[in-house]
Amino acid sequence: MAATTIAPTEWVFPQSQVRHAARFHQDITQWFDIWSVENSYERPEMQETGWRESIAEILEIVWQETELIEPSKTMMGNISQDCTTAIMALLYCPVRLGVFVGFCRWLPDTSGLGQVKSGLATPVILPRCRDDDVVPFCNGEKLYRGLEELGMEATWRLYEDG
């Protein structure tokens, strides 16, 4: 029997720090403050500081990981707010990664954050279940369309339940 060798691959699933949540009047683990997951565009001014800090944190992690293994073998992804933040970091990532996989997410307003980088070349896989009762299904569709408009290679996978 012949041995099978699998090339080394690095999966990166960033985790957020504790930040203050204005809506809940307490500190919680979150990448940025958001007033409403159901309407992620409500009170966007609350999000910008967290975005800037979090994107920088994730890009630092990606830089560290791609020093250890080539970027094409580095995979990044996450779920919900973690995924949304990771996709934002991907837009500003200076290298093309192997793939990005994101679940239960949305694409926020990026107008105040500057010019996007070569992370746009990273292929993106977006599995999505229609029956998600936390993040509205339409948010995932908006993300997919938004990434396509940016010229990204995005694959949408729809599941009726999950």
N, C-alpha and C. Protein backbone atom coordinates (compact mmCIF):
# COMPACT_ATOMS: atom_id res chain seq x y z
N MET A 1 0.85 -1.18 0.00
CA MET A 1 0.00 0.00 0.00
C MET A 1 0.90 1.24 0.00
N ALA A 2 0.62 2.13 -0.90
CA ALA A 2 1.42 3.36 -1.02
C ALA A 2 0.96 4.38 0.03
N ALA A 3 1.92 5.09 0.55
CA ALA A 3 1.61 6.15 1.52
C ALA A 3 1.11 7.38 0.79
N THR A 4 0.18 8.10 1.40
CA THR A 4 -0.35 9.33 0.84
C THR A 4 0.17 10.50 1.67
N THR A 5 0.70 11.46 0.97
CA THR A 5 1.20 12.65 1.65
C THR A 5 0.26 13.81 1.38
N ILE A 6 -0.13 14.49 2.42
CA ILE A 6 -0.98 15.68 2.28
C ILE A 6 -0.10 16.88 2.59
N ALA A 7 -0.06 17.79 1.64
CA ALA A 7 0.76 18.99 1.83
C ALA A 7 0.28 19.75 3.06
N PRO A 8 1.20 20.37 3.81
CA PRO A 8 0.79 21.13 4.98
C PRO A 8 -0.13 22.29 4.60
N THR A 9 -1.16 22.45 5.40
CA THR A 9 -2.13 23.52 5.21
C THR A 9 -2.37 24.17 6.56
N GLU A 10 -2.53 25.47 6.57
CA GLU A 10 -2.80 26.20 7.81
C GLU A 10 -4.19 26.79 7.74
N TRP A 11 -5.06 26.42 8.68
CA TRP A 11 -6.40 27.00 8.78
C TRP A 11 -6.35 28.08 9.84
N VAL A 12 -6.86 29.26 9.52
CA VAL A 12 -6.84 30.39 10.45
C VAL A 12 -8.29 30.75 10.79
N PHE A 13 -8.65 30.61 12.07
CA PHE A 13 -9.97 30.98 12.58
C PHE A 13 -9.76 32.01 13.69
N PRO A 14 -9.67 33.28 13.33
CA PRO A 14 -9.38 34.32 14.33
C PRO A 14 -10.48 34.40 15.40
N GLN A 15 -10.09 34.80 16.59
CA GLN A 15 -11.03 34.98 17.70
C GLN A 15 -10.93 36.40 18.22
N SER A 16 -12.06 37.00 18.51
CA SER A 16 -12.09 38.41 18.92
C SER A 16 -11.70 38.61 20.38
N GLN A 17 -11.50 39.88 20.70
CA GLN A 17 -11.22 40.28 22.07
C GLN A 17 -12.51 40.76 22.74
N VAL A 18 -12.41 41.07 24.00
CA VAL A 18 -13.55 41.62 24.73
C VAL A 18 -13.62 43.12 24.44
N ARG A 19 -14.80 43.57 24.03
CA ARG A 19 -15.05 44.98 23.74
C ARG A 19 -16.39 45.36 24.36
N HIS A 20 -16.60 46.65 24.54
CA HIS A 20 -17.85 47.12 25.13
C HIS A 20 -18.99 47.06 24.10
N ALA A 21 -20.14 46.54 24.53
CA ALA A 21 -21.35 46.49 23.69
C ALA A 21 -22.32 47.54 24.20
N ALA A 22 -22.46 48.63 23.45
CA ALA A 22 -23.31 49.74 23.88
C ALA A 22 -24.77 49.32 24.06
N ARG A 23 -25.28 48.51 23.17
CA ARG A 23 -26.69 48.09 23.24
C ARG A 23 -26.98 47.31 24.52
N PHE A 24 -26.02 46.50 24.96
CA PHE A 24 -26.24 45.65 26.12
C PHE A 24 -25.60 46.20 27.39
N HIS A 25 -24.91 47.34 27.28
CA HIS A 25 -24.28 48.00 28.43
C HIS A 25 -23.35 47.07 29.20
N GLN A 26 -22.55 46.29 28.46
CA GLN A 26 -21.60 45.40 29.11
C GLN A 26 -20.47 45.06 28.14
N ASP A 27 -19.40 44.51 28.69
CA ASP A 27 -18.28 44.05 27.87
C ASP A 27 -18.56 42.61 27.45
N ILE A 28 -18.39 42.34 26.16
CA ILE A 28 -18.58 41.00 25.62
C ILE A 28 -17.49 40.72 24.58
N THR A 29 -17.34 39.46 24.22
CA THR A 29 -16.40 39.10 23.18
C THR A 29 -17.02 39.43 21.83
N GLN A 30 -16.44 40.42 21.16
CA GLN A 30 -16.94 40.83 19.84
C GLN A 30 -15.83 41.58 19.10
N TRP A 31 -15.88 41.51 17.78
CA TRP A 31 -14.88 42.17 16.95
C TRP A 31 -15.13 43.66 16.85
N PHE A 32 -16.39 44.04 16.87
CA PHE A 32 -16.79 45.44 16.75
C PHE A 32 -18.15 45.56 17.39
N ASP A 33 -18.50 46.76 17.80
CA ASP A 33 -19.81 46.98 18.40
C ASP A 33 -20.84 47.07 17.27
N ILE A 34 -21.94 46.39 17.44
CA ILE A 34 -23.02 46.41 16.45
C ILE A 34 -24.34 46.55 17.19
N TRP A 35 -25.18 47.42 16.71
CA TRP A 35 -26.45 47.65 17.37
C TRP A 35 -27.43 46.52 17.11
N SER A 36 -27.48 46.01 15.86
CA SER A 36 -28.47 45.00 15.51
C SER A 36 -27.91 44.05 14.45
N VAL A 37 -27.88 42.76 14.74
CA VAL A 37 -27.48 41.76 13.75
C VAL A 37 -28.54 41.67 12.66
N GLU A 38 -29.79 41.85 13.05
CA GLU A 38 -30.89 41.78 12.08
C GLU A 38 -30.79 42.90 11.05
N ASN A 39 -30.34 44.07 11.48
CA ASN A 39 -30.13 45.20 10.57
C ASN A 39 -28.72 45.72 10.81
N SER A 40 -27.76 45.10 10.15
CA SER A 40 -26.35 45.42 10.42
C SER A 40 -25.96 46.82 9.97
N TYR A 41 -26.84 47.50 9.22
CA TYR A 41 -26.54 48.86 8.75
C TYR A 41 -27.10 49.93 9.70
N GLU A 42 -27.73 49.50 10.78
CA GLU A 42 -28.25 50.44 11.77
C GLU A 42 -27.11 50.92 12.67
N ARG A 43 -26.98 52.22 12.81
CA ARG A 43 -25.95 52.86 13.63
C ARG A 43 -24.53 52.43 13.25
N PRO A 44 -24.16 52.58 11.97
CA PRO A 44 -22.84 52.12 11.50
C PRO A 44 -21.67 52.86 12.15
N GLU A 45 -21.90 54.04 12.67
CA GLU A 45 -20.81 54.80 13.31
C GLU A 45 -20.24 54.06 14.52
N MET A 46 -21.03 53.17 15.11
CA MET A 46 -20.57 52.39 16.25
C MET A 46 -19.50 51.37 15.84
N GLN A 47 -19.49 50.99 14.58
CA GLN A 47 -18.68 49.87 14.12
C GLN A 47 -17.26 50.25 13.71
N GLU A 48 -17.04 51.47 13.26
CA GLU A 48 -15.78 51.81 12.59
C GLU A 48 -14.53 51.58 13.43
N THR A 49 -14.53 52.00 14.69
CA THR A 49 -13.34 51.82 15.52
C THR A 49 -13.01 50.35 15.68
N GLY A 50 -14.01 49.55 15.98
CA GLY A 50 -13.81 48.11 16.11
C GLY A 50 -13.31 47.48 14.82
N TRP A 51 -13.87 47.96 13.69
CA TRP A 51 -13.41 47.45 12.39
C TRP A 51 -11.92 47.67 12.22
N ARG A 52 -11.51 48.91 12.42
CA ARG A 52 -10.10 49.24 12.19
C ARG A 52 -9.18 48.39 13.09
N GLU A 53 -9.51 48.28 14.35
CA GLU A 53 -8.70 47.50 15.28
C GLU A 53 -8.70 46.02 14.89
N SER A 54 -9.87 45.50 14.58
CA SER A 54 -10.01 44.07 14.31
C SER A 54 -9.36 43.67 12.99
N ILE A 55 -9.50 44.49 11.97
CA ILE A 55 -8.85 44.19 10.69
C ILE A 55 -7.34 44.14 10.89
N ALA A 56 -6.81 45.09 11.65
CA ALA A 56 -5.37 45.09 11.92
C ALA A 56 -4.95 43.82 12.67
N GLU A 57 -5.76 43.39 13.66
CA GLU A 57 -5.45 42.18 14.42
C GLU A 57 -5.43 40.95 13.52
N ILE A 58 -6.43 40.82 12.66
CA ILE A 58 -6.52 39.65 11.79
C ILE A 58 -5.39 39.66 10.75
N LEU A 59 -5.11 40.82 10.19
CA LEU A 59 -4.02 40.88 9.21
C LEU A 59 -2.68 40.54 9.85
N GLU A 60 -2.50 40.87 11.11
CA GLU A 60 -1.28 40.49 11.83
C GLU A 60 -1.21 38.96 11.97
N ILE A 61 -2.33 38.32 12.28
CA ILE A 61 -2.37 36.86 12.38
C ILE A 61 -2.05 36.24 11.02
N VAL A 62 -2.65 36.76 9.97
CA VAL A 62 -2.40 36.24 8.62
C VAL A 62 -0.92 36.40 8.28
N TRP A 63 -0.35 37.56 8.57
CA TRP A 63 1.07 37.79 8.29
C TRP A 63 1.92 36.75 9.02
N GLN A 64 1.63 36.51 10.31
CA GLN A 64 2.40 35.54 11.08
C GLN A 64 2.27 34.14 10.48
N GLU A 65 1.04 33.76 10.10
CA GLU A 65 0.82 32.42 9.55
C GLU A 65 1.48 32.25 8.19
N THR A 66 1.44 33.28 7.35
CA THR A 66 2.03 33.16 6.02
C THR A 66 3.55 33.26 6.05
N GLU A 67 4.12 33.59 7.20
CA GLU A 67 5.57 33.49 7.38
C GLU A 67 5.96 32.03 7.59
N LEU A 68 5.02 31.24 8.12
CA LEU A 68 5.29 29.83 8.43
C LEU A 68 4.97 28.91 7.25
N ILE A 69 3.98 29.25 6.48
CA ILE A 69 3.53 28.42 5.38
C ILE A 69 3.09 29.34 4.25
N GLU A 70 3.29 28.93 3.02
CA GLU A 70 3.00 29.82 1.91
C GLU A 70 1.52 30.23 1.89
N PRO A 71 1.23 31.45 1.46
CA PRO A 71 -0.14 31.96 1.50
C PRO A 71 -1.15 31.08 0.76
N SER A 72 -0.75 30.43 -0.32
CA SER A 72 -1.69 29.60 -1.08
C SER A 72 -2.12 28.36 -0.30
N LYS A 73 -1.43 28.06 0.80
CA LYS A 73 -1.81 26.92 1.65
C LYS A 73 -2.39 27.39 2.97
N THR A 74 -2.71 28.67 3.04
CA THR A 74 -3.32 29.24 4.23
C THR A 74 -4.79 29.47 3.95
N MET A 75 -5.64 28.89 4.77
CA MET A 75 -7.09 28.99 4.61
C MET A 75 -7.65 29.78 5.78
N MET A 76 -8.61 30.66 5.50
CA MET A 76 -9.19 31.46 6.57
C MET A 76 -10.71 31.37 6.49
N GLY A 77 -11.35 31.45 7.64
CA GLY A 77 -12.80 31.44 7.66
C GLY A 77 -13.32 31.58 9.06
N ASN A 78 -14.64 31.67 9.16
CA ASN A 78 -15.29 31.75 10.46
C ASN A 78 -16.79 31.82 10.29
N ILE A 79 -17.50 32.14 11.38
CA ILE A 79 -18.95 32.16 11.39
C ILE A 79 -19.45 33.48 11.98
N SER A 80 -20.55 33.98 11.48
CA SER A 80 -21.28 35.13 11.99
C SER A 80 -20.40 36.39 12.05
N GLN A 81 -20.39 37.11 13.19
CA GLN A 81 -19.61 38.34 13.28
C GLN A 81 -18.13 38.07 13.06
N ASP A 82 -17.64 36.93 13.53
CA ASP A 82 -16.24 36.56 13.29
C ASP A 82 -15.97 36.46 11.80
N CYS A 83 -16.90 35.85 11.06
CA CYS A 83 -16.75 35.71 9.62
C CYS A 83 -16.81 37.06 8.93
N THR A 84 -17.75 37.89 9.33
CA THR A 84 -17.89 39.21 8.74
C THR A 84 -16.60 40.01 8.91
N THR A 85 -16.02 39.93 10.08
CA THR A 85 -14.77 40.64 10.33
C THR A 85 -13.63 40.04 9.52
N ALA A 86 -13.58 38.72 9.46
CA ALA A 86 -12.53 38.06 8.69
C ALA A 86 -12.64 38.39 7.20
N ILE A 87 -13.86 38.47 6.67
CA ILE A 87 -14.03 38.83 5.26
C ILE A 87 -13.59 40.27 5.02
N MET A 88 -13.84 41.13 6.00
CA MET A 88 -13.37 42.51 5.89
C MET A 88 -11.84 42.54 5.87
N ALA A 89 -11.22 41.76 6.74
CA ALA A 89 -9.75 41.71 6.74
C ALA A 89 -9.24 41.16 5.42
N LEU A 90 -9.94 40.17 4.87
CA LEU A 90 -9.53 39.60 3.59
C LEU A 90 -9.52 40.66 2.50
N LEU A 91 -10.47 41.58 2.53
CA LEU A 91 -10.52 42.63 1.51
C LEU A 91 -9.27 43.51 1.54
N TYR A 92 -8.64 43.61 2.70
CA TYR A 92 -7.45 44.45 2.87
C TYR A 92 -6.17 43.63 2.99
N CYS A 93 -6.28 42.34 2.78
CA CYS A 93 -5.14 41.44 2.90
C CYS A 93 -4.17 41.65 1.73
N PRO A 94 -2.88 41.80 2.00
CA PRO A 94 -1.92 42.08 0.93
C PRO A 94 -1.51 40.85 0.11
N VAL A 95 -2.00 39.66 0.48
CA VAL A 95 -1.64 38.44 -0.26
C VAL A 95 -2.91 37.64 -0.60
N ARG A 96 -2.78 36.80 -1.62
CA ARG A 96 -3.85 35.89 -1.99
C ARG A 96 -3.70 34.63 -1.14
N LEU A 97 -4.76 34.29 -0.40
CA LEU A 97 -4.75 33.07 0.41
C LEU A 97 -5.30 31.91 -0.41
N GLY A 98 -5.21 30.70 0.14
CA GLY A 98 -5.71 29.53 -0.56
C GLY A 98 -7.20 29.55 -0.76
N VAL A 99 -7.96 29.86 0.29
CA VAL A 99 -9.42 29.93 0.22
C VAL A 99 -9.94 30.60 1.49
N PHE A 100 -11.12 31.16 1.39
CA PHE A 100 -11.84 31.70 2.54
C PHE A 100 -13.20 31.01 2.58
N VAL A 101 -13.60 30.50 3.75
CA VAL A 101 -14.90 29.86 3.92
C VAL A 101 -15.64 30.60 5.02
N GLY A 102 -16.84 31.09 4.70
CA GLY A 102 -17.58 31.88 5.68
C GLY A 102 -19.02 31.45 5.83
N PHE A 103 -19.49 31.41 7.08
CA PHE A 103 -20.85 30.99 7.41
C PHE A 103 -21.59 32.13 8.14
N CYS A 104 -22.89 32.30 7.88
CA CYS A 104 -23.77 33.21 8.62
C CYS A 104 -23.18 34.61 8.73
N ARG A 105 -23.06 35.30 7.64
CA ARG A 105 -22.35 36.57 7.63
C ARG A 105 -23.05 37.60 6.77
N TRP A 106 -22.45 38.81 6.74
CA TRP A 106 -22.97 39.91 5.94
C TRP A 106 -21.79 40.78 5.52
N LEU A 107 -22.02 41.65 4.56
CA LEU A 107 -20.98 42.57 4.11
C LEU A 107 -21.32 43.97 4.59
N PRO A 108 -20.54 44.51 5.51
CA PRO A 108 -20.82 45.85 6.03
C PRO A 108 -20.38 46.94 5.06
N ASP A 109 -20.69 48.15 5.41
CA ASP A 109 -20.27 49.32 4.63
C ASP A 109 -18.76 49.49 4.81
N THR A 110 -18.03 49.50 3.71
CA THR A 110 -16.57 49.62 3.76
C THR A 110 -16.09 50.98 3.31
N SER A 111 -17.00 51.93 3.12
CA SER A 111 -16.64 53.21 2.52
C SER A 111 -15.60 54.00 3.31
N GLY A 112 -15.56 53.87 4.63
CA GLY A 112 -14.62 54.66 5.42
C GLY A 112 -13.31 53.97 5.71
N LEU A 113 -13.05 52.82 5.11
CA LEU A 113 -11.90 52.03 5.51
C LEU A 113 -10.74 52.02 4.54
N GLY A 114 -10.84 52.72 3.42
CA GLY A 114 -9.70 52.79 2.50
C GLY A 114 -9.79 51.81 1.36
N GLN A 115 -8.72 51.72 0.59
CA GLN A 115 -8.66 50.92 -0.64
C GLN A 115 -8.44 49.44 -0.35
N VAL A 116 -9.19 48.58 -1.02
CA VAL A 116 -9.01 47.14 -0.86
C VAL A 116 -7.74 46.69 -1.57
N LYS A 117 -7.22 45.52 -1.19
CA LYS A 117 -5.93 45.02 -1.68
C LYS A 117 -6.08 43.74 -2.49
N SER A 118 -5.00 42.96 -2.54
CA SER A 118 -4.98 41.75 -3.37
C SER A 118 -5.70 40.57 -2.74
N GLY A 119 -6.21 40.71 -1.54
CA GLY A 119 -7.03 39.66 -0.96
C GLY A 119 -8.23 39.36 -1.84
N LEU A 120 -8.54 40.29 -2.75
CA LEU A 120 -9.65 40.09 -3.68
C LEU A 120 -9.44 38.87 -4.55
N ALA A 121 -8.21 38.43 -4.74
CA ALA A 121 -7.92 37.27 -5.58
C ALA A 121 -8.17 35.95 -4.86
N THR A 122 -8.38 35.98 -3.55
CA THR A 122 -8.61 34.76 -2.78
C THR A 122 -10.00 34.20 -3.11
N PRO A 123 -10.09 32.91 -3.47
CA PRO A 123 -11.41 32.32 -3.70
C PRO A 123 -12.21 32.27 -2.39
N VAL A 124 -13.51 32.50 -2.49
CA VAL A 124 -14.39 32.55 -1.32
C VAL A 124 -15.52 31.53 -1.50
N ILE A 125 -15.76 30.73 -0.47
CA ILE A 125 -16.87 29.78 -0.46
C ILE A 125 -17.84 30.23 0.62
N LEU A 126 -19.10 30.39 0.25
CA LEU A 126 -20.12 30.91 1.16
C LEU A 126 -21.29 29.93 1.28
N PRO A 127 -21.17 28.90 2.12
CA PRO A 127 -22.34 28.04 2.36
C PRO A 127 -23.35 28.80 3.21
N ARG A 128 -24.63 28.58 2.94
CA ARG A 128 -25.66 29.35 3.65
C ARG A 128 -26.92 28.52 3.77
N CYS A 129 -27.50 28.47 4.98
CA CYS A 129 -28.77 27.78 5.16
C CYS A 129 -29.89 28.82 5.17
N ARG A 130 -30.97 28.46 4.51
CA ARG A 130 -32.10 29.37 4.37
C ARG A 130 -32.82 29.60 5.70
N ASP A 131 -32.77 28.63 6.62
CA ASP A 131 -33.56 28.73 7.85
C ASP A 131 -32.81 29.35 9.03
N ASP A 132 -31.74 30.09 8.80
CA ASP A 132 -31.00 30.77 9.87
C ASP A 132 -31.93 31.78 10.54
N ASP A 133 -32.13 31.64 11.85
CA ASP A 133 -33.04 32.56 12.55
C ASP A 133 -32.30 33.67 13.31
N VAL A 134 -30.98 33.79 13.10
CA VAL A 134 -30.22 34.85 13.75
C VAL A 134 -29.79 35.91 12.73
N VAL A 135 -29.00 35.50 11.76
CA VAL A 135 -28.55 36.43 10.71
C VAL A 135 -29.47 36.23 9.51
N PRO A 136 -30.22 37.25 9.12
CA PRO A 136 -31.17 37.09 8.02
C PRO A 136 -30.51 36.56 6.75
N PHE A 137 -31.23 35.67 6.09
CA PHE A 137 -30.75 35.04 4.85
C PHE A 137 -30.34 36.08 3.82
N CYS A 138 -31.11 37.15 3.72
CA CYS A 138 -30.82 38.18 2.72
C CYS A 138 -29.45 38.83 2.94
N ASN A 139 -28.94 38.84 4.18
CA ASN A 139 -27.61 39.39 4.44
C ASN A 139 -26.53 38.58 3.74
N GLY A 140 -26.68 37.26 3.73
CA GLY A 140 -25.73 36.41 3.03
C GLY A 140 -25.76 36.64 1.53
N GLU A 141 -26.97 36.82 0.99
CA GLU A 141 -27.10 37.12 -0.44
C GLU A 141 -26.42 38.44 -0.79
N LYS A 142 -26.60 39.44 0.07
CA LYS A 142 -25.96 40.75 -0.16
C LYS A 142 -24.45 40.62 -0.13
N LEU A 143 -23.92 39.80 0.77
CA LEU A 143 -22.48 39.58 0.83
C LEU A 143 -22.00 38.96 -0.48
N TYR A 144 -22.67 37.92 -0.92
CA TYR A 144 -22.28 37.25 -2.16
C TYR A 144 -22.28 38.22 -3.34
N ARG A 145 -23.35 38.98 -3.49
CA ARG A 145 -23.43 39.95 -4.58
C ARG A 145 -22.36 41.03 -4.44
N GLY A 146 -22.12 41.49 -3.22
CA GLY A 146 -21.11 42.52 -2.99
C GLY A 146 -19.72 42.05 -3.35
N LEU A 147 -19.40 40.80 -3.01
CA LEU A 147 -18.08 40.26 -3.36
C LEU A 147 -17.94 40.09 -4.87
N GLU A 148 -19.00 39.66 -5.51
CA GLU A 148 -18.97 39.56 -6.97
C GLU A 148 -18.75 40.93 -7.61
N GLU A 149 -19.42 41.95 -7.07
CA GLU A 149 -19.25 43.32 -7.60
C GLU A 149 -17.81 43.80 -7.44
N LEU A 150 -17.13 43.33 -6.39
CA LEU A 150 -15.73 43.69 -6.19
C LEU A 150 -14.80 42.88 -7.10
N GLY A 151 -15.37 41.92 -7.81
CA GLY A 151 -14.58 41.10 -8.73
C GLY A 151 -13.99 39.86 -8.09
N MET A 152 -14.48 39.49 -6.91
CA MET A 152 -13.94 38.31 -6.22
C MET A 152 -14.55 37.04 -6.80
N GLU A 153 -13.79 35.95 -6.69
CA GLU A 153 -14.25 34.63 -7.08
C GLU A 153 -15.02 34.05 -5.89
N ALA A 154 -16.34 34.21 -5.90
CA ALA A 154 -17.17 33.76 -4.78
C ALA A 154 -18.09 32.64 -5.24
N THR A 155 -18.19 31.60 -4.42
CA THR A 155 -19.08 30.47 -4.69
C THR A 155 -20.14 30.44 -3.60
N TRP A 156 -21.40 30.48 -4.01
CA TRP A 156 -22.55 30.48 -3.10
C TRP A 156 -23.11 29.07 -3.04
N ARG A 157 -23.24 28.51 -1.85
CA ARG A 157 -23.83 27.19 -1.66
C ARG A 157 -25.04 27.34 -0.75
N LEU A 158 -26.21 27.06 -1.28
CA LEU A 158 -27.44 27.22 -0.53
C LEU A 158 -27.96 25.89 -0.02
N TYR A 159 -28.32 25.85 1.27
CA TYR A 159 -28.91 24.69 1.90
C TYR A 159 -30.24 25.11 2.50
N GLU A 160 -31.26 24.30 2.34
CA GLU A 160 -32.59 24.67 2.84
C GLU A 160 -32.63 24.72 4.36
N ASP A 161 -31.93 23.82 5.02
CA ASP A 161 -31.89 23.87 6.48
C ASP A 161 -30.49 23.56 6.97
N GLY A 162 -30.22 23.99 8.15
CA GLY A 162 -28.87 23.80 8.67
C GLY A 162 -28.84 23.98 10.11
